[in-house]
């Protein structure tokens, strides 16, 4: 198993910033890491992904230019820096680890952006 624990969520005003962290309970240096989010009544959607090397990143169009994903293999942690937050960013954010097509998920951290 790959235990994943998210942190850093909270309440922020529109235009503000938050940094989410995902701490892995084991070495995930060989895993692709990603963030997904889900708002009430909505499907879970892809937000950002970083390759196992940390050199390639991918973003959903809705967050491109505002969110930055990164990883620190030594700390077994992946980050999501979010700036210029919008009310539509309100959701539970989930950390994801993938190795050879097998997915592991955290329990999520809630981000609420007020108008």
C-alpha atoms as a PDB file:
ATOM      1  CA  UNK A   1       0.000   0.000   0.000  1.00  0.00           C
ATOM      2  CA  UNK A   2       0.945   3.634  -0.488  1.00  0.00           C
ATOM      3  CA  UNK A   3      -0.594   5.748   2.289  1.00  0.00           C
ATOM      4  CA  UNK A   4      -1.101   9.364   1.235  1.00  0.00           C
ATOM      5  CA  UNK A   5      -2.071  12.227   3.538  1.00  0.00           C
ATOM      6  CA  UNK A   6      -3.071  15.634   2.209  1.00  0.00           C
ATOM      7  CA  UNK A   7      -2.811  18.867   4.153  1.00  0.00           C
ATOM      8  CA  UNK A   8      -2.979  22.609   3.608  1.00  0.00           C
ATOM      9  CA  UNK A   9      -6.625  23.019   2.716  1.00  0.00           C
ATOM     10  CA  UNK A  10      -8.779  25.690   4.256  1.00  0.00           C
ATOM     11  CA  UNK A  11     -10.854  28.784   3.649  1.00  0.00           C
ATOM     12  CA  UNK A  12      -9.421  31.548   1.485  1.00  0.00           C
ATOM     13  CA  UNK A  13     -10.805  34.600  -0.268  1.00  0.00           C
ATOM     14  CA  UNK A  14     -10.972  34.805  -4.031  1.00  0.00           C
ATOM     15  CA  UNK A  15      -7.624  35.918  -5.378  1.00  0.00           C
ATOM     16  CA  UNK A  16      -5.772  34.372  -2.479  1.00  0.00           C
ATOM     17  CA  UNK A  17      -3.272  31.539  -2.352  1.00  0.00           C
ATOM     18  CA  UNK A  18      -2.872  28.151  -0.714  1.00  0.00           C
ATOM     19  CA  UNK A  19      -0.255  25.424  -0.861  1.00  0.00           C
ATOM     20  CA  UNK A  20      -1.373  21.847  -0.532  1.00  0.00           C
ATOM     21  CA  UNK A  21       0.962  19.082   0.549  1.00  0.00           C
ATOM     22  CA  UNK A  22       0.732  15.337   0.113  1.00  0.00           C
ATOM     23  CA  UNK A  23       2.914  13.213   2.341  1.00  0.00           C
ATOM     24  CA  UNK A  24       3.556   9.612   1.328  1.00  0.00           C
ATOM     25  CA  UNK A  25       4.181   6.884   3.847  1.00  0.00           C
ATOM     26  CA  UNK A  26       6.723   5.150   1.647  1.00  0.00           C
ATOM     27  CA  UNK A  27       9.208   5.883  -1.107  1.00  0.00           C
ATOM     28  CA  UNK A  28       7.263   7.155  -4.117  1.00  0.00           C
ATOM     29  CA  UNK A  29      10.253   8.298  -6.139  1.00  0.00           C
ATOM     30  CA  UNK A  30       9.261   5.938  -8.954  1.00  0.00           C
ATOM     31  CA  UNK A  31       5.629   7.020  -9.044  1.00  0.00           C
ATOM     32  CA  UNK A  32       3.818   9.563 -11.109  1.00  0.00           C
ATOM     33  CA  UNK A  33       2.046  11.891  -8.670  1.00  0.00           C
ATOM     34  CA  UNK A  34      -1.067  13.942  -9.277  1.00  0.00           C
ATOM     35  CA  UNK A  35      -3.803  16.063  -7.781  1.00  0.00           C
ATOM     36  CA  UNK A  36      -7.492  15.619  -8.495  1.00  0.00           C
ATOM     37  CA  UNK A  37     -10.462  17.491  -7.092  1.00  0.00           C
ATOM     38  CA  UNK A  38     -14.158  16.930  -6.596  1.00  0.00           C
ATOM     39  CA  UNK A  39     -16.886  19.410  -5.749  1.00  0.00           C
ATOM     40  CA  UNK A  40     -20.252  18.286  -4.358  1.00  0.00           C
ATOM     41  CA  UNK A  41     -22.420  16.939  -7.154  1.00  0.00           C
ATOM     42  CA  UNK A  42     -19.523  16.894  -9.597  1.00  0.00           C
ATOM     43  CA  UNK A  43     -17.252  14.190 -10.943  1.00  0.00           C
ATOM     44  CA  UNK A  44     -13.699  13.943  -9.751  1.00  0.00           C
ATOM     45  CA  UNK A  45     -11.523  15.855 -12.188  1.00  0.00           C
ATOM     46  CA  UNK A  46      -7.847  15.938 -12.999  1.00  0.00           C
ATOM     47  CA  UNK A  47      -5.939  18.997 -11.818  1.00  0.00           C
ATOM     48  CA  UNK A  48      -2.200  18.448 -12.217  1.00  0.00           C
ATOM     49  CA  UNK A  49       0.399  15.705 -12.589  1.00  0.00           C
ATOM     50  CA  UNK A  50       4.161  15.503 -12.192  1.00  0.00           C
ATOM     51  CA  UNK A  51       6.310  12.707 -13.598  1.00  0.00           C
ATOM     52  CA  UNK A  52       8.413  10.459 -11.397  1.00  0.00           C
ATOM     53  CA  UNK A  53      11.489  12.460 -12.362  1.00  0.00           C
ATOM     54  CA  UNK A  54       9.853  15.728 -11.371  1.00  0.00           C
ATOM     55  CA  UNK A  55      10.807  17.231 -14.721  1.00  0.00           C
ATOM     56  CA  UNK A  56       7.498  16.926 -16.588  1.00  0.00           C
ATOM     57  CA  UNK A  57       4.253  18.508 -15.466  1.00  0.00           C
ATOM     58  CA  UNK A  58       0.727  18.530 -16.845  1.00  0.00           C
ATOM     59  CA  UNK A  59      -2.223  20.738 -15.943  1.00  0.00           C
ATOM     60  CA  UNK A  60      -5.914  20.976 -16.568  1.00  0.00           C
ATOM     61  CA  UNK A  61      -6.788  23.997 -18.685  1.00  0.00           C
ATOM     62  CA  UNK A  62      -8.856  25.412 -15.842  1.00  0.00           C
ATOM     63  CA  UNK A  63      -5.824  25.773 -13.560  1.00  0.00           C
ATOM     64  CA  UNK A  64      -2.992  26.301 -16.029  1.00  0.00           C
ATOM     65  CA  UNK A  65      -1.023  29.401 -15.153  1.00  0.00           C
ATOM     66  CA  UNK A  66      -2.413  29.515 -11.624  1.00  0.00           C
ATOM     67  CA  UNK A  67      -1.405  26.189 -10.070  1.00  0.00           C
ATOM     68  CA  UNK A  68       2.044  24.640  -9.859  1.00  0.00           C
ATOM     69  CA  UNK A  69       2.761  21.024  -8.970  1.00  0.00           C
ATOM     70  CA  UNK A  70       6.155  19.922  -7.689  1.00  0.00           C
ATOM     71  CA  UNK A  71       7.708  17.102  -5.721  1.00  0.00           C
ATOM     72  CA  UNK A  72      10.461  16.511  -3.224  1.00  0.00           C
ATOM     73  CA  UNK A  73      11.517  12.877  -3.363  1.00  0.00           C
ATOM     74  CA  UNK A  74      13.743  13.162  -0.308  1.00  0.00           C
ATOM     75  CA  UNK A  75      10.744  14.277   1.734  1.00  0.00           C
ATOM     76  CA  UNK A  76       8.337  11.912  -0.047  1.00  0.00           C
ATOM     77  CA  UNK A  77       6.070  14.866  -0.638  1.00  0.00           C
ATOM     78  CA  UNK A  78       4.207  16.408  -3.543  1.00  0.00           C
ATOM     79  CA  UNK A  79       2.954  19.988  -3.481  1.00  0.00           C
ATOM     80  CA  UNK A  80       0.294  22.002  -5.222  1.00  0.00           C
ATOM     81  CA  UNK A  81       0.868  25.747  -5.089  1.00  0.00           C
ATOM     82  CA  UNK A  82      -2.371  27.541  -5.897  1.00  0.00           C
ATOM     83  CA  UNK A  83      -2.580  31.265  -6.604  1.00  0.00           C
ATOM     84  CA  UNK A  84      -5.333  33.547  -7.895  1.00  0.00           C
ATOM     85  CA  UNK A  85      -7.917  31.209  -6.455  1.00  0.00           C
ATOM     86  CA  UNK A  86     -11.476  31.392  -7.726  1.00  0.00           C
ATOM     87  CA  UNK A  87     -14.746  30.282  -6.129  1.00  0.00           C
ATOM     88  CA  UNK A  88     -14.978  27.542  -8.744  1.00  0.00           C
ATOM     89  CA  UNK A  89     -11.781  26.054  -7.304  1.00  0.00           C
ATOM     90  CA  UNK A  90     -13.772  25.074  -4.231  1.00  0.00           C
ATOM     91  CA  UNK A  91     -13.531  21.303  -3.897  1.00  0.00           C
ATOM     92  CA  UNK A  92     -11.997  18.461  -1.985  1.00  0.00           C
ATOM     93  CA  UNK A  93      -8.505  17.937  -3.347  1.00  0.00           C
ATOM     94  CA  UNK A  94      -7.117  14.413  -3.529  1.00  0.00           C
ATOM     95  CA  UNK A  95      -3.541  13.258  -3.853  1.00  0.00           C
ATOM     96  CA  UNK A  96      -2.898  10.422  -6.294  1.00  0.00           C
ATOM     97  CA  UNK A  97       0.077   8.126  -6.807  1.00  0.00           C
ATOM     98  CA  UNK A  98       0.386   5.853  -9.822  1.00  0.00           C
ATOM     99  CA  UNK A  99       2.822   3.082 -10.593  1.00  0.00           C
ATOM    100  CA  UNK A 100       2.413   0.852 -13.632  1.00  0.00           C
ATOM    101  CA  UNK A 101      -1.272   1.713 -13.845  1.00  0.00           C
ATOM    102  CA  UNK A 102      -2.092   1.084 -10.194  1.00  0.00           C
ATOM    103  CA  UNK A 103      -3.636   4.067  -8.399  1.00  0.00           C
ATOM    104  CA  UNK A 104      -3.410   5.037  -4.747  1.00  0.00           C
ATOM    105  CA  UNK A 105      -5.453   7.816  -3.164  1.00  0.00           C
ATOM    106  CA  UNK A 106      -5.424  10.038  -0.146  1.00  0.00           C
ATOM    107  CA  UNK A 107      -8.569  10.937   1.748  1.00  0.00           C
ATOM    108  CA  UNK A 108      -8.610  14.539   0.571  1.00  0.00           C
ATOM    109  CA  UNK A 109      -8.318  18.054   1.939  1.00  0.00           C
ATOM    110  CA  UNK A 110     -11.065  20.643   1.549  1.00  0.00           C
ATOM    111  CA  UNK A 111     -10.396  23.951  -0.175  1.00  0.00           C
ATOM    112  CA  UNK A 112     -13.097  26.608   0.066  1.00  0.00           C
ATOM    113  CA  UNK A 113     -12.757  29.861  -1.865  1.00  0.00           C
ATOM    114  CA  UNK A 114     -15.143  32.628  -0.875  1.00  0.00           C
ATOM    115  CA  UNK A 115     -16.363  35.338  -3.228  1.00  0.00           C
END
